[in-house]
């Protein structure tokens, strides 16, 4: 039997995001996971709130595609540097659709236990995204 690796969740998670499928949140994240995201109105989200956030992001940017640029893993932690590219054709929160294409970069640190993320710390460049959209 092959031993599972701390990063085994990543390919399925990435494929789901790139298909616009948020149901993977329920498979990838432990039910009591805390997701910390910089710059949002609520700095720590539970799994249901995170699922709603991802859903609204994918609605605003339906062609959004994520790639992993770098990853480092240890016994229980995974660090990921990512890039996302997409076109804003839908409303995102209170922001109107602009029709503009964006490239956004970010960093994630996941703690993984038994193949599921139990805590996530995420930073992404929201200012650059807003500049690219022409909103600031």
C-alpha atoms as a PDB file:
ATOM      1  CA  UNK A   1       0.000   0.000   0.000  1.00  0.00           C
ATOM      2  CA  UNK A   2       1.347   3.419  -0.971  1.00  0.00           C
ATOM      3  CA  UNK A   3       1.877   5.851   1.850  1.00  0.00           C
ATOM      4  CA  UNK A   4      -0.152   9.051   1.533  1.00  0.00           C
ATOM      5  CA  UNK A   5       1.690  12.334   1.298  1.00  0.00           C
ATOM      6  CA  UNK A   6       0.713  15.597   2.946  1.00  0.00           C
ATOM      7  CA  UNK A   7       0.184  17.115  -0.546  1.00  0.00           C
ATOM      8  CA  UNK A   8      -2.151  14.393  -1.873  1.00  0.00           C
ATOM      9  CA  UNK A   9      -5.153  16.749  -1.622  1.00  0.00           C
ATOM     10  CA  UNK A  10      -3.660  19.375  -3.963  1.00  0.00           C
ATOM     11  CA  UNK A  11      -4.284  17.929  -7.467  1.00  0.00           C
ATOM     12  CA  UNK A  12      -7.987  17.257  -6.809  1.00  0.00           C
ATOM     13  CA  UNK A  13      -8.435  20.632  -5.117  1.00  0.00           C
ATOM     14  CA  UNK A  14      -6.768  22.488  -7.976  1.00  0.00           C
ATOM     15  CA  UNK A  15      -8.748  20.565 -10.632  1.00  0.00           C
ATOM     16  CA  UNK A  16     -12.021  21.338  -8.829  1.00  0.00           C
ATOM     17  CA  UNK A  17     -11.242  25.053  -8.554  1.00  0.00           C
ATOM     18  CA  UNK A  18     -10.332  25.224 -12.227  1.00  0.00           C
ATOM     19  CA  UNK A  19     -13.647  23.553 -13.133  1.00  0.00           C
ATOM     20  CA  UNK A  20     -15.559  25.996 -10.922  1.00  0.00           C
ATOM     21  CA  UNK A  21     -16.611  23.183  -8.572  1.00  0.00           C
ATOM     22  CA  UNK A  22     -16.736  24.304  -4.928  1.00  0.00           C
ATOM     23  CA  UNK A  23     -17.933  20.932  -3.624  1.00  0.00           C
ATOM     24  CA  UNK A  24     -14.284  19.916  -3.155  1.00  0.00           C
ATOM     25  CA  UNK A  25     -14.178  22.248  -0.145  1.00  0.00           C
ATOM     26  CA  UNK A  26     -16.109  19.595   1.799  1.00  0.00           C
ATOM     27  CA  UNK A  27     -13.574  16.882   0.891  1.00  0.00           C
ATOM     28  CA  UNK A  28     -10.392  18.910   1.337  1.00  0.00           C
ATOM     29  CA  UNK A  29     -11.101  20.864   4.528  1.00  0.00           C
ATOM     30  CA  UNK A  30     -11.855  19.361   7.950  1.00  0.00           C
ATOM     31  CA  UNK A  31     -15.301  20.471   9.192  1.00  0.00           C
ATOM     32  CA  UNK A  32     -13.792  22.535  12.037  1.00  0.00           C
ATOM     33  CA  UNK A  33     -11.034  24.101   9.900  1.00  0.00           C
ATOM     34  CA  UNK A  34     -10.236  27.793  10.375  1.00  0.00           C
ATOM     35  CA  UNK A  35      -9.317  29.666   7.177  1.00  0.00           C
ATOM     36  CA  UNK A  36      -7.457  32.936   7.776  1.00  0.00           C
ATOM     37  CA  UNK A  37      -7.445  35.298   4.761  1.00  0.00           C
ATOM     38  CA  UNK A  38      -5.815  38.725   4.828  1.00  0.00           C
ATOM     39  CA  UNK A  39      -7.727  41.842   3.878  1.00  0.00           C
ATOM     40  CA  UNK A  40     -11.273  40.527   4.082  1.00  0.00           C
ATOM     41  CA  UNK A  41     -14.073  41.913   6.216  1.00  0.00           C
ATOM     42  CA  UNK A  42     -13.849  38.799   8.387  1.00  0.00           C
ATOM     43  CA  UNK A  43     -10.252  37.652   8.976  1.00  0.00           C
ATOM     44  CA  UNK A  44     -11.135  34.047   9.877  1.00  0.00           C
ATOM     45  CA  UNK A  45     -13.716  31.998   7.996  1.00  0.00           C
ATOM     46  CA  UNK A  46     -15.260  28.653   8.830  1.00  0.00           C
ATOM     47  CA  UNK A  47     -15.629  26.043   6.070  1.00  0.00           C
ATOM     48  CA  UNK A  48     -19.152  27.140   5.050  1.00  0.00           C
ATOM     49  CA  UNK A  49     -18.082  30.795   4.841  1.00  0.00           C
ATOM     50  CA  UNK A  50     -14.988  29.863   2.849  1.00  0.00           C
ATOM     51  CA  UNK A  51     -17.086  27.785   0.458  1.00  0.00           C
ATOM     52  CA  UNK A  52     -19.362  30.807  -0.088  1.00  0.00           C
ATOM     53  CA  UNK A  53     -16.324  33.057  -0.638  1.00  0.00           C
ATOM     54  CA  UNK A  54     -14.820  30.671  -3.221  1.00  0.00           C
ATOM     55  CA  UNK A  55     -18.209  30.349  -4.928  1.00  0.00           C
ATOM     56  CA  UNK A  56     -18.581  34.136  -5.216  1.00  0.00           C
ATOM     57  CA  UNK A  57     -15.021  34.422  -6.537  1.00  0.00           C
ATOM     58  CA  UNK A  58     -15.679  31.795  -9.214  1.00  0.00           C
ATOM     59  CA  UNK A  59     -18.975  33.495 -10.132  1.00  0.00           C
ATOM     60  CA  UNK A  60     -17.198  36.840 -10.569  1.00  0.00           C
ATOM     61  CA  UNK A  61     -14.339  35.220 -12.509  1.00  0.00           C
ATOM     62  CA  UNK A  62     -15.856  32.134 -14.209  1.00  0.00           C
ATOM     63  CA  UNK A  63     -12.731  31.476 -16.298  1.00  0.00           C
ATOM     64  CA  UNK A  64     -10.391  31.776 -13.292  1.00  0.00           C
ATOM     65  CA  UNK A  65      -7.530  29.289 -13.494  1.00  0.00           C
ATOM     66  CA  UNK A  66      -5.124  28.566 -10.665  1.00  0.00           C
ATOM     67  CA  UNK A  67      -1.604  27.229 -11.009  1.00  0.00           C
ATOM     68  CA  UNK A  68       0.846  26.227  -8.312  1.00  0.00           C
ATOM     69  CA  UNK A  69       4.157  27.985  -8.877  1.00  0.00           C
ATOM     70  CA  UNK A  70       6.006  26.515  -5.889  1.00  0.00           C
ATOM     71  CA  UNK A  71       5.249  24.214  -3.019  1.00  0.00           C
ATOM     72  CA  UNK A  72       7.167  23.079   0.015  1.00  0.00           C
ATOM     73  CA  UNK A  73       5.887  20.372   2.288  1.00  0.00           C
ATOM     74  CA  UNK A  74       6.855  18.890   5.605  1.00  0.00           C
ATOM     75  CA  UNK A  75       5.276  16.300   7.858  1.00  0.00           C
ATOM     76  CA  UNK A  76       2.028  18.258   8.383  1.00  0.00           C
ATOM     77  CA  UNK A  77       2.417  21.586   6.582  1.00  0.00           C
ATOM     78  CA  UNK A  78       2.300  22.681   2.968  1.00  0.00           C
ATOM     79  CA  UNK A  79       3.424  26.093   1.708  1.00  0.00           C
ATOM     80  CA  UNK A  80       2.105  27.059  -1.719  1.00  0.00           C
ATOM     81  CA  UNK A  81       2.867  30.009  -3.977  1.00  0.00           C
ATOM     82  CA  UNK A  82       0.094  30.325  -6.561  1.00  0.00           C
ATOM     83  CA  UNK A  83      -1.047  32.407  -9.515  1.00  0.00           C
ATOM     84  CA  UNK A  84      -4.623  32.852 -10.720  1.00  0.00           C
ATOM     85  CA  UNK A  85      -5.667  34.386 -14.047  1.00  0.00           C
ATOM     86  CA  UNK A  86      -9.242  35.207 -15.012  1.00  0.00           C
ATOM     87  CA  UNK A  87     -11.716  37.690 -16.438  1.00  0.00           C
ATOM     88  CA  UNK A  88     -14.148  39.619 -14.230  1.00  0.00           C
ATOM     89  CA  UNK A  89     -17.529  39.079 -15.889  1.00  0.00           C
ATOM     90  CA  UNK A  90     -19.668  38.886 -12.747  1.00  0.00           C
ATOM     91  CA  UNK A  91     -20.309  40.873  -9.587  1.00  0.00           C
ATOM     92  CA  UNK A  92     -17.831  40.222  -6.759  1.00  0.00           C
ATOM     93  CA  UNK A  93     -19.359  41.262  -3.453  1.00  0.00           C
ATOM     94  CA  UNK A  94     -20.303  44.874  -4.070  1.00  0.00           C
ATOM     95  CA  UNK A  95     -17.868  45.310  -6.960  1.00  0.00           C
ATOM     96  CA  UNK A  96     -19.358  45.525 -10.456  1.00  0.00           C
ATOM     97  CA  UNK A  97     -18.183  43.357 -13.334  1.00  0.00           C
ATOM     98  CA  UNK A  98     -15.512  45.147 -15.348  1.00  0.00           C
ATOM     99  CA  UNK A  99     -14.804  42.705 -18.175  1.00  0.00           C
ATOM    100  CA  UNK A 100     -11.089  43.066 -17.380  1.00  0.00           C
ATOM    101  CA  UNK A 101      -8.577  40.246 -17.084  1.00  0.00           C
ATOM    102  CA  UNK A 102      -6.467  39.942 -13.924  1.00  0.00           C
ATOM    103  CA  UNK A 103      -3.412  38.054 -12.762  1.00  0.00           C
ATOM    104  CA  UNK A 104      -3.318  37.565  -8.996  1.00  0.00           C
ATOM    105  CA  UNK A 105      -0.633  35.935  -6.890  1.00  0.00           C
ATOM    106  CA  UNK A 106      -0.753  34.586  -3.373  1.00  0.00           C
ATOM    107  CA  UNK A 107       0.695  32.383  -0.668  1.00  0.00           C
ATOM    108  CA  UNK A 108      -0.948  29.652   1.386  1.00  0.00           C
ATOM    109  CA  UNK A 109       0.210  27.730   4.430  1.00  0.00           C
ATOM    110  CA  UNK A 110      -1.942  24.670   5.099  1.00  0.00           C
ATOM    111  CA  UNK A 111      -1.768  22.387   8.102  1.00  0.00           C
ATOM    112  CA  UNK A 112      -2.889  18.931   6.997  1.00  0.00           C
ATOM    113  CA  UNK A 113      -3.942  16.059   9.269  1.00  0.00           C
ATOM    114  CA  UNK A 114      -5.183  12.720   7.900  1.00  0.00           C
ATOM    115  CA  UNK A 115      -5.333  14.145   4.380  1.00  0.00           C
ATOM    116  CA  UNK A 116      -7.518  17.164   5.229  1.00  0.00           C
ATOM    117  CA  UNK A 117      -6.665  20.796   5.821  1.00  0.00           C
ATOM    118  CA  UNK A 118      -7.244  21.636   9.496  1.00  0.00           C
ATOM    119  CA  UNK A 119      -5.995  25.228   9.321  1.00  0.00           C
ATOM    120  CA  UNK A 120      -5.167  27.579   6.435  1.00  0.00           C
ATOM    121  CA  UNK A 121      -3.338  30.909   6.360  1.00  0.00           C
ATOM    122  CA  UNK A 122      -3.723  32.709   3.025  1.00  0.00           C
ATOM    123  CA  UNK A 123      -2.315  35.974   1.688  1.00  0.00           C
ATOM    124  CA  UNK A 124      -3.093  37.272  -1.790  1.00  0.00           C
ATOM    125  CA  UNK A 125      -2.508  40.524  -3.605  1.00  0.00           C
ATOM    126  CA  UNK A 126      -5.944  42.133  -3.473  1.00  0.00           C
ATOM    127  CA  UNK A 127      -4.596  45.638  -4.193  1.00  0.00           C
ATOM    128  CA  UNK A 128      -3.064  44.567  -7.507  1.00  0.00           C
ATOM    129  CA  UNK A 129      -6.307  42.813  -8.445  1.00  0.00           C
ATOM    130  CA  UNK A 130      -8.326  45.998  -7.767  1.00  0.00           C
ATOM    131  CA  UNK A 131      -5.806  48.054  -9.771  1.00  0.00           C
ATOM    132  CA  UNK A 132      -6.051  45.653 -12.715  1.00  0.00           C
ATOM    133  CA  UNK A 133      -9.842  45.891 -12.568  1.00  0.00           C
ATOM    134  CA  UNK A 134      -9.579  49.689 -12.679  1.00  0.00           C
ATOM    135  CA  UNK A 135     -11.433  50.052  -9.390  1.00  0.00           C
ATOM    136  CA  UNK A 136      -8.661  51.964  -7.600  1.00  0.00           C
END
